[in-house]
Amino acid sequence: MWSYKPLSAVVAAVAVFGLVGTSLAAQNPCLKERPEADKGSGYSAPHEKKGGEFPTAEEVGGDVFIAPLGKGAMIPKDIPIETLDGKPTTTGRILDGDRPVVLNFFLLFSPRSVDEMKSLQELSKTNSNVQVIGINIGNVGGKLNPDSAESDVLRNLRLVAREAGATYPIYSDTHSYTVQAFGLRNAPTTFLLDKRGMVKRVYAGPQLWTSQERLRDIREIIEESQ
C-alpha cells in the first residue's frame, strides 16, 4: 500500500527543480546512499508506476526540502554528471584538488542564473588561484520524465554559455541527482569549497563575483589553503 502524502508537496518538488532524485544508489550502483535516505521505500522509477496512482513524495525525492550541505561538510564526489559534449563524469572528477572551488549550481532557463555567468567568467579569467565550475541542475520533466532529450539540454547549454562568454567548465546534471545530494533549495546556489572539497561558504541566489565582498571571501579561502 502506498503511503499518502499531500499532493502539494509533490507538485512543489517538481515545480521547483523538475526533479529531486529518490534513491541515488538504486538508480546508480556507483553511488552511496546518504544516511537519511534509508527512511523511505526508495521506489526508484515513479514514471513506471502502474495502475494510475500518483507518485508519493518519497518516490520523487522524499522530503520536499532536504537538509542542505553546510559549512564543514565534504561534498559528495560520486554524483554522475555530464560534460557539454555528453561524456559522463562525476562531481569528484571535475575538481583538480589544487585550488579552492567556486561551485555554481544553476538552472538553464533562469535568466538570473545565466546573468551570473558573466561575473563568474570574469572571476575565472582574473583569478587563476580559484577553480570556477558551473553545473546545470536539470531539465523540465527530470525524475518523472527521464527520457527527456538530453541532447537538447546540452545543445542549449552550449548556446547559453557562448552567449554569456563563459569559458570556465560547465556541466549538466540532467536528472538533478545533485539537488538531493547537495540539498539544493534555490537556484542559483553556489558553494565555496576548499581544495579538498569541504564547504566553507554557501550563497543562495545570484552573486556579483567581482565585488569586493565576494573577492574577500575567496581570498580568505585561498590563504587558508596555502
Foldseek 3Di string as FASTA:
>chain_A
DDDDDDPVLQVLLCVAQVAAFAAQCVVPVQDDGDVVSVPDPRQGAQLPDPDPDHDHNNRRHNGSFADADDFQDFADFADWWAFLVGHIDTNNVVQPLQAKEKEKEAALPDPQLLLLLLLLQVCVVPDVRYAYEYEYQEDNNARNCVVPDVNVVSVSVVVSCVVSVHPHTYIYPHNRNVCNRRRDDAPTKIFTGASSRGGHHIDHGRDNCPDPVNVVVRVVSSVVND
